[in-house]
């Protein structure tokens, strides 16, 4: 089994955090989004994962090493491929054509999910979906009586289905997918100026390939600040029995309301933290109340009340109560 993770997008909806950190590397409950994604995919696989390919932009050598280390931690060989222009989902996947062989999972790195089943390698293809309240904002699928996909509809204005495509796909024949993606590029077949995966899916369906709809128990979006804070809350709830405060943390006259993730060398002094708070290593919180928030590494908070917020690394924030989204290396004092 090979896994391809397209993640070259600029992450504009997550600014200012993505000005200094690639969006899939923003931590949720103490781990980068992309690491949680591939770990969850590994749990779904019956087959050994041979290769994990990350399709990125110019993220720098340190990020590339971090991604390769994630692949290695799962016993797979890591690969870095580059998408230098935003030419669409089909183009992004084809950038990793070297690993478009045999069984392939494609998973876009702005989503997390929870499922309680294994991929059946005998399936020709599986497109993972989730029921949503407002299908007009998503690409959706229609199914026949046997759960086979009959139609793909992009952002329907009228109700046709509430099964939204969540950005995770399994293909039994990666080479077939590669050929269909290459066909789009060779014949310059675009929609809204980009090469779209859905066009390749439709072509393969018309040629007889049967896609089964795979439904997940929960789909968690990481597309913007509020969605990511909510995802942090849900992940902390789901892994609550795995959480503990490390011995290196310094807790003085403070209360931790679980579930929370507390990293190494965190200092809490006269603070109330939680529920649903993740705090990165070497951060310090003094005389503050923090709930439902993500705080990254080496950040100092003092005399603040913070809720539904994201604070980057090396932030110094004091004397103000708010719902905030603060990027790295920022100082705010009242």
C-alpha atoms as a PDB file:
ATOM      1  CA  UNK A   1       0.000   0.000   0.000  1.00  0.00           C
ATOM      2  CA  UNK A   2       1.178   3.497  -0.872  1.00  0.00           C
ATOM      3  CA  UNK A   3      -0.173   6.753   0.543  1.00  0.00           C
ATOM      4  CA  UNK A   4      -0.120  10.127  -1.228  1.00  0.00           C
ATOM      5  CA  UNK A   5      -0.759  13.275   0.811  1.00  0.00           C
ATOM      6  CA  UNK A   6      -1.195  16.438  -1.300  1.00  0.00           C
ATOM      7  CA  UNK A   7      -0.450  19.390   0.994  1.00  0.00           C
ATOM      8  CA  UNK A   8       1.069  22.167  -1.129  1.00  0.00           C
ATOM      9  CA  UNK A   9      -1.722  24.710  -0.552  1.00  0.00           C
ATOM     10  CA  UNK A  10      -0.881  28.081   0.965  1.00  0.00           C
ATOM     11  CA  UNK A  11      -3.456  27.714   3.755  1.00  0.00           C
ATOM     12  CA  UNK A  12      -4.733  31.282   3.409  1.00  0.00           C
ATOM     13  CA  UNK A  13      -7.770  30.653   5.624  1.00  0.00           C
ATOM     14  CA  UNK A  14      -5.430  29.725   8.476  1.00  0.00           C
ATOM     15  CA  UNK A  15      -3.342  32.882   8.426  1.00  0.00           C
ATOM     16  CA  UNK A  16      -1.465  34.209  10.348  1.00  0.00           C
ATOM     17  CA  UNK A  17      -0.447  30.699  11.504  1.00  0.00           C
ATOM     18  CA  UNK A  18       0.424  29.498   8.001  1.00  0.00           C
ATOM     19  CA  UNK A  19       2.719  32.446   7.361  1.00  0.00           C
ATOM     20  CA  UNK A  20       5.375  30.579   9.348  1.00  0.00           C
ATOM     21  CA  UNK A  21       4.086  26.973   9.486  1.00  0.00           C
ATOM     22  CA  UNK A  22       2.685  24.766   6.747  1.00  0.00           C
ATOM     23  CA  UNK A  23      -0.995  24.176   7.602  1.00  0.00           C
ATOM     24  CA  UNK A  24      -0.729  20.357   7.853  1.00  0.00           C
ATOM     25  CA  UNK A  25       2.049  20.788  10.432  1.00  0.00           C
ATOM     26  CA  UNK A  26      -0.059  22.863  12.813  1.00  0.00           C
ATOM     27  CA  UNK A  27      -0.460  20.751  15.960  1.00  0.00           C
ATOM     28  CA  UNK A  28      -3.792  19.340  17.073  1.00  0.00           C
ATOM     29  CA  UNK A  29      -3.756  17.703  20.511  1.00  0.00           C
ATOM     30  CA  UNK A  30       0.040  17.713  20.441  1.00  0.00           C
ATOM     31  CA  UNK A  31       0.663  16.239  16.981  1.00  0.00           C
ATOM     32  CA  UNK A  32       0.806  17.824  13.517  1.00  0.00           C
ATOM     33  CA  UNK A  33      -2.421  17.407  11.547  1.00  0.00           C
ATOM     34  CA  UNK A  34      -0.640  15.431   8.813  1.00  0.00           C
ATOM     35  CA  UNK A  35       0.918  13.043  11.327  1.00  0.00           C
ATOM     36  CA  UNK A  36      -2.470  12.272  12.860  1.00  0.00           C
ATOM     37  CA  UNK A  37      -3.878  11.779   9.352  1.00  0.00           C
ATOM     38  CA  UNK A  38      -1.318   9.212   8.205  1.00  0.00           C
ATOM     39  CA  UNK A  39      -1.394   7.400  11.551  1.00  0.00           C
ATOM     40  CA  UNK A  40      -5.170   7.036  11.218  1.00  0.00           C
ATOM     41  CA  UNK A  41      -4.772   5.805   7.640  1.00  0.00           C
ATOM     42  CA  UNK A  42      -2.230   3.236   8.805  1.00  0.00           C
ATOM     43  CA  UNK A  43      -4.770   1.848  11.276  1.00  0.00           C
ATOM     44  CA  UNK A  44      -7.252   1.411   8.392  1.00  0.00           C
ATOM     45  CA  UNK A  45      -4.821  -0.570   6.225  1.00  0.00           C
ATOM     46  CA  UNK A  46      -4.705  -4.344   6.106  1.00  0.00           C
ATOM     47  CA  UNK A  47      -1.585  -4.154   3.919  1.00  0.00           C
ATOM     48  CA  UNK A  48       1.867  -2.958   4.923  1.00  0.00           C
ATOM     49  CA  UNK A  49       2.471   0.673   4.005  1.00  0.00           C
ATOM     50  CA  UNK A  50       5.477   0.756   1.684  1.00  0.00           C
ATOM     51  CA  UNK A  51       5.647   4.403   0.649  1.00  0.00           C
ATOM     52  CA  UNK A  52       4.229   7.702   1.905  1.00  0.00           C
ATOM     53  CA  UNK A  53       4.536  10.587  -0.547  1.00  0.00           C
ATOM     54  CA  UNK A  54       4.048  14.183   0.571  1.00  0.00           C
ATOM     55  CA  UNK A  55       3.294  16.689  -2.202  1.00  0.00           C
ATOM     56  CA  UNK A  56       4.414  20.075  -0.902  1.00  0.00           C
ATOM     57  CA  UNK A  57       5.419  23.583  -1.862  1.00  0.00           C
ATOM     58  CA  UNK A  58       8.647  25.268  -0.832  1.00  0.00           C
ATOM     59  CA  UNK A  59       8.381  24.434   2.862  1.00  0.00           C
ATOM     60  CA  UNK A  60      12.103  24.188   3.600  1.00  0.00           C
ATOM     61  CA  UNK A  61      14.494  21.422   4.606  1.00  0.00           C
ATOM     62  CA  UNK A  62      13.372  21.236   8.244  1.00  0.00           C
ATOM     63  CA  UNK A  63       9.747  20.553   7.244  1.00  0.00           C
ATOM     64  CA  UNK A  64      10.820  17.965   4.689  1.00  0.00           C
ATOM     65  CA  UNK A  65      12.848  16.133   7.326  1.00  0.00           C
ATOM     66  CA  UNK A  66       9.885  16.202   9.706  1.00  0.00           C
ATOM     67  CA  UNK A  67       7.647  14.650   7.055  1.00  0.00           C
ATOM     68  CA  UNK A  68      10.170  11.949   6.209  1.00  0.00           C
ATOM     69  CA  UNK A  69      10.491  11.150   9.910  1.00  0.00           C
ATOM     70  CA  UNK A  70       6.692  10.740  10.140  1.00  0.00           C
ATOM     71  CA  UNK A  71       6.802   8.187   7.307  1.00  0.00           C
ATOM     72  CA  UNK A  72       9.710   6.352   8.913  1.00  0.00           C
ATOM     73  CA  UNK A  73       7.845   6.156  12.238  1.00  0.00           C
ATOM     74  CA  UNK A  74       5.190   4.108  10.426  1.00  0.00           C
ATOM     75  CA  UNK A  75       7.739   1.760   8.864  1.00  0.00           C
ATOM     76  CA  UNK A  76       7.355   3.327   5.399  1.00  0.00           C
ATOM     77  CA  UNK A  77       9.729   5.024   2.994  1.00  0.00           C
ATOM     78  CA  UNK A  78       9.029   8.746   2.811  1.00  0.00           C
ATOM     79  CA  UNK A  79       9.088  10.748  -0.412  1.00  0.00           C
ATOM     80  CA  UNK A  80       8.940  14.480  -1.060  1.00  0.00           C
ATOM     81  CA  UNK A  81       7.418  15.785  -4.293  1.00  0.00           C
ATOM     82  CA  UNK A  82       6.782  19.380  -5.242  1.00  0.00           C
ATOM     83  CA  UNK A  83       3.763  21.128  -6.702  1.00  0.00           C
ATOM     84  CA  UNK A  84       5.183  24.470  -7.791  1.00  0.00           C
ATOM     85  CA  UNK A  85       1.906  25.855  -9.174  1.00  0.00           C
ATOM     86  CA  UNK A  86      -1.665  25.517  -7.839  1.00  0.00           C
ATOM     87  CA  UNK A  87      -2.973  23.601 -10.853  1.00  0.00           C
ATOM     88  CA  UNK A  88      -5.606  21.517  -9.093  1.00  0.00           C
ATOM     89  CA  UNK A  89      -6.119  18.258  -7.257  1.00  0.00           C
ATOM     90  CA  UNK A  90      -5.420  15.988 -10.246  1.00  0.00           C
ATOM     91  CA  UNK A  91      -2.132  17.761 -10.915  1.00  0.00           C
ATOM     92  CA  UNK A  92      -1.149  17.557  -7.231  1.00  0.00           C
ATOM     93  CA  UNK A  93      -1.616  13.786  -7.109  1.00  0.00           C
ATOM     94  CA  UNK A  94       0.206  13.290 -10.412  1.00  0.00           C
ATOM     95  CA  UNK A  95       3.236  15.095  -8.962  1.00  0.00           C
ATOM     96  CA  UNK A  96       3.737  11.852  -6.969  1.00  0.00           C
ATOM     97  CA  UNK A  97       3.335   9.603 -10.008  1.00  0.00           C
ATOM     98  CA  UNK A  98       6.358   7.524  -8.995  1.00  0.00           C
ATOM     99  CA  UNK A  99       4.260   5.933  -6.232  1.00  0.00           C
ATOM    100  CA  UNK A 100       1.033   5.666  -8.264  1.00  0.00           C
ATOM    101  CA  UNK A 101       1.415   1.897  -8.442  1.00  0.00           C
ATOM    102  CA  UNK A 102      -0.503  -1.012  -6.948  1.00  0.00           C
ATOM    103  CA  UNK A 103      -2.849  -0.095  -4.071  1.00  0.00           C
ATOM    104  CA  UNK A 104      -2.953   3.639  -3.299  1.00  0.00           C
ATOM    105  CA  UNK A 105      -4.633   5.840  -0.731  1.00  0.00           C
ATOM    106  CA  UNK A 106      -4.922   9.547  -1.535  1.00  0.00           C
ATOM    107  CA  UNK A 107      -5.667  11.781   1.456  1.00  0.00           C
ATOM    108  CA  UNK A 108      -5.733  15.567   1.403  1.00  0.00           C
ATOM    109  CA  UNK A 109      -4.074  16.991   4.482  1.00  0.00           C
ATOM    110  CA  UNK A 110      -6.654  19.430   5.809  1.00  0.00           C
ATOM    111  CA  UNK A 111      -8.945  16.832   7.308  1.00  0.00           C
ATOM    112  CA  UNK A 112      -8.973  14.255  10.082  1.00  0.00           C
ATOM    113  CA  UNK A 113     -11.397  11.383  10.499  1.00  0.00           C
ATOM    114  CA  UNK A 114     -12.357   8.504  12.740  1.00  0.00           C
ATOM    115  CA  UNK A 115     -13.446   5.112  11.411  1.00  0.00           C
ATOM    116  CA  UNK A 116     -13.867   1.620  12.818  1.00  0.00           C
ATOM    117  CA  UNK A 117     -13.193  -0.542   9.765  1.00  0.00           C
ATOM    118  CA  UNK A 118     -10.351  -1.773   7.563  1.00  0.00           C
ATOM    119  CA  UNK A 119      -9.837  -1.057   3.866  1.00  0.00           C
ATOM    120  CA  UNK A 120     -10.757  -4.069   1.765  1.00  0.00           C
ATOM    121  CA  UNK A 121      -7.965  -4.342  -0.842  1.00  0.00           C
ATOM    122  CA  UNK A 122     -10.354  -6.219  -3.136  1.00  0.00           C
ATOM    123  CA  UNK A 123     -12.502  -3.108  -3.651  1.00  0.00           C
ATOM    124  CA  UNK A 124     -11.815  -1.428  -6.993  1.00  0.00           C
ATOM    125  CA  UNK A 125     -12.115   1.969  -5.396  1.00  0.00           C
ATOM    126  CA  UNK A 126     -13.486   3.602  -2.266  1.00  0.00           C
ATOM    127  CA  UNK A 127     -14.404   7.248  -1.886  1.00  0.00           C
ATOM    128  CA  UNK A 128     -14.910   8.234   1.724  1.00  0.00           C
ATOM    129  CA  UNK A 129     -17.940  10.370   2.535  1.00  0.00           C
ATOM    130  CA  UNK A 130     -19.763  11.804   5.506  1.00  0.00           C
ATOM    131  CA  UNK A 131     -23.313  13.015   5.961  1.00  0.00           C
ATOM    132  CA  UNK A 132     -23.435  16.824   6.241  1.00  0.00           C
ATOM    133  CA  UNK A 133     -26.143  19.317   7.112  1.00  0.00           C
ATOM    134  CA  UNK A 134     -25.389  21.690   4.209  1.00  0.00           C
ATOM    135  CA  UNK A 135     -24.304  19.719   1.131  1.00  0.00           C
ATOM    136  CA  UNK A 136     -24.284  22.858  -1.067  1.00  0.00           C
ATOM    137  CA  UNK A 137     -20.787  23.653   0.219  1.00  0.00           C
ATOM    138  CA  UNK A 138     -19.269  20.296  -0.816  1.00  0.00           C
ATOM    139  CA  UNK A 139     -18.803  17.825  -3.601  1.00  0.00           C
ATOM    140  CA  UNK A 140     -21.342  15.071  -2.964  1.00  0.00           C
ATOM    141  CA  UNK A 141     -22.126  11.603  -4.321  1.00  0.00           C
ATOM    142  CA  UNK A 142     -25.282   9.676  -5.167  1.00  0.00           C
ATOM    143  CA  UNK A 143     -25.455   5.939  -4.526  1.00  0.00           C
ATOM    144  CA  UNK A 144     -27.382   2.994  -5.905  1.00  0.00           C
ATOM    145  CA  UNK A 145     -29.081   0.390  -3.718  1.00  0.00           C
ATOM    146  CA  UNK A 146     -25.797  -1.505  -3.272  1.00  0.00           C
ATOM    147  CA  UNK A 147     -23.825   1.513  -2.064  1.00  0.00           C
ATOM    148  CA  UNK A 148     -22.005   2.020  -5.371  1.00  0.00           C
ATOM    149  CA  UNK A 149     -21.476   5.624  -6.474  1.00  0.00           C
ATOM    150  CA  UNK A 150     -23.548   6.602  -9.498  1.00  0.00           C
ATOM    151  CA  UNK A 151     -22.951  10.364  -9.661  1.00  0.00           C
ATOM    152  CA  UNK A 152     -20.530  13.062  -8.532  1.00  0.00           C
ATOM    153  CA  UNK A 153     -22.074  16.505  -8.019  1.00  0.00           C
ATOM    154  CA  UNK A 154     -19.963  19.531  -7.118  1.00  0.00           C
ATOM    155  CA  UNK A 155     -21.620  21.968  -4.678  1.00  0.00           C
ATOM    156  CA  UNK A 156     -25.236  21.252  -5.665  1.00  0.00           C
ATOM    157  CA  UNK A 157     -27.586  24.255  -5.525  1.00  0.00           C
ATOM    158  CA  UNK A 158     -30.568  21.948  -5.048  1.00  0.00           C
ATOM    159  CA  UNK A 159     -30.588  18.892  -2.796  1.00  0.00           C
ATOM    160  CA  UNK A 160     -29.437  15.707  -4.511  1.00  0.00           C
ATOM    161  CA  UNK A 161     -27.468  14.051  -1.686  1.00  0.00           C
ATOM    162  CA  UNK A 162     -26.049  14.866   1.731  1.00  0.00           C
ATOM    163  CA  UNK A 163     -23.018  12.551   1.398  1.00  0.00           C
ATOM    164  CA  UNK A 164     -20.011  14.863   1.128  1.00  0.00           C
ATOM    165  CA  UNK A 165     -16.641  13.705  -0.237  1.00  0.00           C
ATOM    166  CA  UNK A 166     -14.141  14.199   2.593  1.00  0.00           C
ATOM    167  CA  UNK A 167     -10.919  14.038   0.573  1.00  0.00           C
ATOM    168  CA  UNK A 168      -9.827  10.452   1.260  1.00  0.00           C
ATOM    169  CA  UNK A 169      -9.749   7.861  -1.546  1.00  0.00           C
ATOM    170  CA  UNK A 170      -8.602   4.268  -2.058  1.00  0.00           C
ATOM    171  CA  UNK A 171      -7.630   2.922  -5.496  1.00  0.00           C
ATOM    172  CA  UNK A 172      -6.857  -0.725  -6.124  1.00  0.00           C
ATOM    173  CA  UNK A 173      -4.982   0.138  -9.336  1.00  0.00           C
ATOM    174  CA  UNK A 174      -2.737   3.168  -8.887  1.00  0.00           C
ATOM    175  CA  UNK A 175      -1.382   2.858 -12.413  1.00  0.00           C
ATOM    176  CA  UNK A 176      -4.887   3.210 -13.839  1.00  0.00           C
ATOM    177  CA  UNK A 177      -5.366   6.376 -11.787  1.00  0.00           C
ATOM    178  CA  UNK A 178      -2.028   7.738 -13.022  1.00  0.00           C
ATOM    179  CA  UNK A 179      -3.028   7.175 -16.643  1.00  0.00           C
ATOM    180  CA  UNK A 180      -6.362   8.953 -16.172  1.00  0.00           C
ATOM    181  CA  UNK A 181      -4.716  11.915 -14.447  1.00  0.00           C
ATOM    182  CA  UNK A 182      -2.112  12.139 -17.193  1.00  0.00           C
ATOM    183  CA  UNK A 183      -4.899  12.123 -19.797  1.00  0.00           C
ATOM    184  CA  UNK A 184      -6.376  15.261 -18.240  1.00  0.00           C
ATOM    185  CA  UNK A 185      -3.059  17.078 -18.441  1.00  0.00           C
ATOM    186  CA  UNK A 186      -2.199  15.840 -21.919  1.00  0.00           C
ATOM    187  CA  UNK A 187      -5.554  17.049 -23.267  1.00  0.00           C
ATOM    188  CA  UNK A 188      -5.683  20.183 -21.090  1.00  0.00           C
ATOM    189  CA  UNK A 189      -9.031  19.200 -19.553  1.00  0.00           C
ATOM    190  CA  UNK A 190      -9.721  21.736 -16.812  1.00  0.00           C
ATOM    191  CA  UNK A 191     -12.567  23.006 -14.672  1.00  0.00           C
ATOM    192  CA  UNK A 192     -12.356  26.543 -13.305  1.00  0.00           C
ATOM    193  CA  UNK A 193      -8.798  26.727 -14.593  1.00  0.00           C
ATOM    194  CA  UNK A 194      -7.528  23.631 -12.772  1.00  0.00           C
ATOM    195  CA  UNK A 195      -7.093  19.886 -13.362  1.00  0.00           C
ATOM    196  CA  UNK A 196      -9.648  18.193 -11.125  1.00  0.00           C
ATOM    197  CA  UNK A 197      -9.540  14.704  -9.620  1.00  0.00           C
ATOM    198  CA  UNK A 198     -13.311  14.410  -9.989  1.00  0.00           C
ATOM    199  CA  UNK A 199     -12.951  14.473 -13.801  1.00  0.00           C
ATOM    200  CA  UNK A 200     -10.606  11.496 -13.649  1.00  0.00           C
ATOM    201  CA  UNK A 201     -12.985   9.701 -11.257  1.00  0.00           C
ATOM    202  CA  UNK A 202     -15.877  10.250 -13.655  1.00  0.00           C
ATOM    203  CA  UNK A 203     -13.840   8.976 -16.618  1.00  0.00           C
ATOM    204  CA  UNK A 204     -12.913   5.805 -14.747  1.00  0.00           C
ATOM    205  CA  UNK A 205     -16.518   5.288 -13.656  1.00  0.00           C
ATOM    206  CA  UNK A 206     -17.713   5.616 -17.246  1.00  0.00           C
ATOM    207  CA  UNK A 207     -15.220   2.892 -18.187  1.00  0.00           C
ATOM    208  CA  UNK A 208     -16.765   0.502 -15.678  1.00  0.00           C
ATOM    209  CA  UNK A 209     -14.810   1.072 -12.463  1.00  0.00           C
ATOM    210  CA  UNK A 210     -17.103   0.728  -9.451  1.00  0.00           C
ATOM    211  CA  UNK A 211     -16.525   3.043  -6.512  1.00  0.00           C
ATOM    212  CA  UNK A 212     -17.946   2.085  -3.169  1.00  0.00           C
ATOM    213  CA  UNK A 213     -18.834   4.846  -0.731  1.00  0.00           C
ATOM    214  CA  UNK A 214     -16.970   4.403   2.531  1.00  0.00           C
ATOM    215  CA  UNK A 215     -18.532   6.221   5.471  1.00  0.00           C
ATOM    216  CA  UNK A 216     -16.484   7.382   8.446  1.00  0.00           C
ATOM    217  CA  UNK A 217     -17.796   7.820  11.978  1.00  0.00           C
ATOM    218  CA  UNK A 218     -16.573  11.397  12.255  1.00  0.00           C
ATOM    219  CA  UNK A 219     -15.010  13.923   9.890  1.00  0.00           C
ATOM    220  CA  UNK A 220     -13.014  16.778  11.378  1.00  0.00           C
ATOM    221  CA  UNK A 221     -12.082  19.830   9.334  1.00  0.00           C
ATOM    222  CA  UNK A 222      -8.889  21.825   9.861  1.00  0.00           C
ATOM    223  CA  UNK A 223      -9.552  24.501   7.255  1.00  0.00           C
ATOM    224  CA  UNK A 224      -9.688  27.598   9.463  1.00  0.00           C
ATOM    225  CA  UNK A 225      -9.048  28.718  13.036  1.00  0.00           C
ATOM    226  CA  UNK A 226     -12.453  27.927  14.498  1.00  0.00           C
ATOM    227  CA  UNK A 227     -12.655  24.538  12.760  1.00  0.00           C
ATOM    228  CA  UNK A 228      -9.161  23.604  13.965  1.00  0.00           C
ATOM    229  CA  UNK A 229      -9.930  24.604  17.560  1.00  0.00           C
ATOM    230  CA  UNK A 230     -13.067  22.443  17.405  1.00  0.00           C
ATOM    231  CA  UNK A 231     -11.062  19.559  15.930  1.00  0.00           C
ATOM    232  CA  UNK A 232      -8.562  19.910  18.784  1.00  0.00           C
ATOM    233  CA  UNK A 233     -11.502  19.617  21.194  1.00  0.00           C
ATOM    234  CA  UNK A 234     -12.831  16.473  19.529  1.00  0.00           C
ATOM    235  CA  UNK A 235      -9.427  14.779  19.301  1.00  0.00           C
ATOM    236  CA  UNK A 236      -8.707  15.488  22.970  1.00  0.00           C
ATOM    237  CA  UNK A 237     -12.076  13.936  23.849  1.00  0.00           C
ATOM    238  CA  UNK A 238     -11.339  10.839  21.767  1.00  0.00           C
ATOM    239  CA  UNK A 239      -7.856  10.279  23.222  1.00  0.00           C
ATOM    240  CA  UNK A 240      -8.642  11.403  26.774  1.00  0.00           C
ATOM    241  CA  UNK A 241      -7.571   8.080  28.304  1.00  0.00           C
ATOM    242  CA  UNK A 242      -4.127   8.438  26.677  1.00  0.00           C
ATOM    243  CA  UNK A 243      -3.357  11.870  28.140  1.00  0.00           C
ATOM    244  CA  UNK A 244      -1.073  12.539  31.093  1.00  0.00           C
ATOM    245  CA  UNK A 245       0.942  15.436  32.434  1.00  0.00           C
ATOM    246  CA  UNK A 246       4.689  14.870  31.870  1.00  0.00           C
ATOM    247  CA  UNK A 247       7.059  14.866  34.824  1.00  0.00           C
ATOM    248  CA  UNK A 248       8.964  17.821  33.346  1.00  0.00           C
ATOM    249  CA  UNK A 249       5.896  20.098  33.604  1.00  0.00           C
ATOM    250  CA  UNK A 250       5.915  22.568  36.511  1.00  0.00           C
ATOM    251  CA  UNK A 251       2.434  22.921  37.994  1.00  0.00           C
ATOM    252  CA  UNK A 252       2.107  25.494  40.810  1.00  0.00           C
ATOM    253  CA  UNK A 253      -1.222  26.504  42.390  1.00  0.00           C
ATOM    254  CA  UNK A 254      -2.974  25.571  39.177  1.00  0.00           C
ATOM    255  CA  UNK A 255      -5.936  23.495  38.055  1.00  0.00           C
ATOM    256  CA  UNK A 256      -6.060  21.367  34.901  1.00  0.00           C
ATOM    257  CA  UNK A 257      -9.571  20.484  33.751  1.00  0.00           C
ATOM    258  CA  UNK A 258      -9.235  17.443  31.504  1.00  0.00           C
ATOM    259  CA  UNK A 259      -9.037  16.595  28.710  1.00  0.00           C
ATOM    260  CA  UNK A 260      -5.906  18.640  27.957  1.00  0.00           C
ATOM    261  CA  UNK A 261      -2.594  17.986  26.245  1.00  0.00           C
ATOM    262  CA  UNK A 262       0.379  19.327  28.217  1.00  0.00           C
ATOM    263  CA  UNK A 263       3.782  18.996  26.533  1.00  0.00           C
ATOM    264  CA  UNK A 264       7.270  18.790  28.037  1.00  0.00           C
ATOM    265  CA  UNK A 265       8.573  21.638  30.218  1.00  0.00           C
ATOM    266  CA  UNK A 266       5.277  23.516  30.332  1.00  0.00           C
ATOM    267  CA  UNK A 267       4.948  25.843  33.332  1.00  0.00           C
ATOM    268  CA  UNK A 268       1.580  26.640  34.939  1.00  0.00           C
ATOM    269  CA  UNK A 269       1.524  29.125  37.828  1.00  0.00           C
ATOM    270  CA  UNK A 270      -1.783  30.253  39.312  1.00  0.00           C
ATOM    271  CA  UNK A 271      -3.597  29.130  36.170  1.00  0.00           C
ATOM    272  CA  UNK A 272      -6.826  27.353  35.312  1.00  0.00           C
ATOM    273  CA  UNK A 273      -6.370  25.355  32.120  1.00  0.00           C
ATOM    274  CA  UNK A 274      -9.055  23.391  30.331  1.00  0.00           C
ATOM    275  CA  UNK A 275     -11.084  21.757  29.241  1.00  0.00           C
ATOM    276  CA  UNK A 276      -9.919  21.145  25.657  1.00  0.00           C
ATOM    277  CA  UNK A 277      -6.565  22.932  25.762  1.00  0.00           C
ATOM    278  CA  UNK A 278      -3.336  21.864  24.031  1.00  0.00           C
ATOM    279  CA  UNK A 279      -0.106  23.501  25.193  1.00  0.00           C
ATOM    280  CA  UNK A 280       3.206  23.056  23.348  1.00  0.00           C
ATOM    281  CA  UNK A 281       6.575  22.447  24.956  1.00  0.00           C
ATOM    282  CA  UNK A 282       8.386  25.172  26.932  1.00  0.00           C
ATOM    283  CA  UNK A 283       5.293  27.384  27.174  1.00  0.00           C
ATOM    284  CA  UNK A 284       4.453  29.301  30.337  1.00  0.00           C
ATOM    285  CA  UNK A 285       1.019  30.317  31.647  1.00  0.00           C
ATOM    286  CA  UNK A 286       0.764  32.535  34.700  1.00  0.00           C
ATOM    287  CA  UNK A 287      -2.313  33.909  36.465  1.00  0.00           C
ATOM    288  CA  UNK A 288      -4.492  33.028  33.466  1.00  0.00           C
ATOM    289  CA  UNK A 289      -7.644  31.136  32.533  1.00  0.00           C
ATOM    290  CA  UNK A 290      -7.383  29.156  29.282  1.00  0.00           C
ATOM    291  CA  UNK A 291     -10.103  26.986  27.724  1.00  0.00           C
ATOM    292  CA  UNK A 292     -10.833  25.386  24.344  1.00  0.00           C
ATOM    293  CA  UNK A 293      -7.609  26.629  22.739  1.00  0.00           C
ATOM    294  CA  UNK A 294      -4.369  25.616  21.040  1.00  0.00           C
ATOM    295  CA  UNK A 295      -1.123  27.153  22.316  1.00  0.00           C
ATOM    296  CA  UNK A 296       2.080  26.244  20.515  1.00  0.00           C
ATOM    297  CA  UNK A 297       5.691  26.108  21.721  1.00  0.00           C
ATOM    298  CA  UNK A 298       7.707  28.640  23.731  1.00  0.00           C
ATOM    299  CA  UNK A 299       4.735  30.933  24.308  1.00  0.00           C
ATOM    300  CA  UNK A 300       4.157  33.026  27.431  1.00  0.00           C
ATOM    301  CA  UNK A 301       0.703  34.045  28.662  1.00  0.00           C
ATOM    302  CA  UNK A 302       0.118  36.148  31.759  1.00  0.00           C
ATOM    303  CA  UNK A 303      -3.024  37.664  33.306  1.00  0.00           C
ATOM    304  CA  UNK A 304      -5.275  36.718  30.392  1.00  0.00           C
ATOM    305  CA  UNK A 305      -8.566  34.933  29.854  1.00  0.00           C
ATOM    306  CA  UNK A 306      -8.460  33.013  26.572  1.00  0.00           C
ATOM    307  CA  UNK A 307     -11.149  30.869  24.936  1.00  0.00           C
ATOM    308  CA  UNK A 308     -11.688  29.437  21.426  1.00  0.00           C
ATOM    309  CA  UNK A 309      -8.242  30.626  20.385  1.00  0.00           C
ATOM    310  CA  UNK A 310      -5.049  29.674  18.580  1.00  0.00           C
ATOM    311  CA  UNK A 311      -1.696  31.124  19.592  1.00  0.00           C
ATOM    312  CA  UNK A 312       1.491  30.351  17.705  1.00  0.00           C
ATOM    313  CA  UNK A 313       5.028  29.775  18.933  1.00  0.00           C
ATOM    314  CA  UNK A 314       7.131  32.409  20.694  1.00  0.00           C
ATOM    315  CA  UNK A 315       4.076  34.543  21.493  1.00  0.00           C
ATOM    316  CA  UNK A 316       4.098  36.901  24.485  1.00  0.00           C
ATOM    317  CA  UNK A 317       0.524  37.816  25.402  1.00  0.00           C
ATOM    318  CA  UNK A 318      -0.644  39.512  28.594  1.00  0.00           C
ATOM    319  CA  UNK A 319      -3.370  41.602  30.181  1.00  0.00           C
ATOM    320  CA  UNK A 320      -6.278  41.023  27.813  1.00  0.00           C
ATOM    321  CA  UNK A 321      -9.321  38.715  27.578  1.00  0.00           C
ATOM    322  CA  UNK A 322     -10.375  37.664  24.099  1.00  0.00           C
ATOM    323  CA  UNK A 323     -11.061  35.101  21.389  1.00  0.00           C
ATOM    324  CA  UNK A 324      -7.807  35.389  19.463  1.00  0.00           C
ATOM    325  CA  UNK A 325      -5.778  34.004  16.581  1.00  0.00           C
ATOM    326  CA  UNK A 326      -2.160  35.090  17.043  1.00  0.00           C
ATOM    327  CA  UNK A 327       0.728  34.014  14.834  1.00  0.00           C
ATOM    328  CA  UNK A 328       4.326  33.220  15.769  1.00  0.00           C
ATOM    329  CA  UNK A 329       6.739  35.729  17.287  1.00  0.00           C
ATOM    330  CA  UNK A 330       4.046  38.202  18.376  1.00  0.00           C
ATOM    331  CA  UNK A 331       3.975  40.334  21.521  1.00  0.00           C
ATOM    332  CA  UNK A 332       0.706  41.819  22.805  1.00  0.00           C
ATOM    333  CA  UNK A 333       0.562  43.588  26.164  1.00  0.00           C
ATOM    334  CA  UNK A 334      -2.245  45.662  27.604  1.00  0.00           C
END
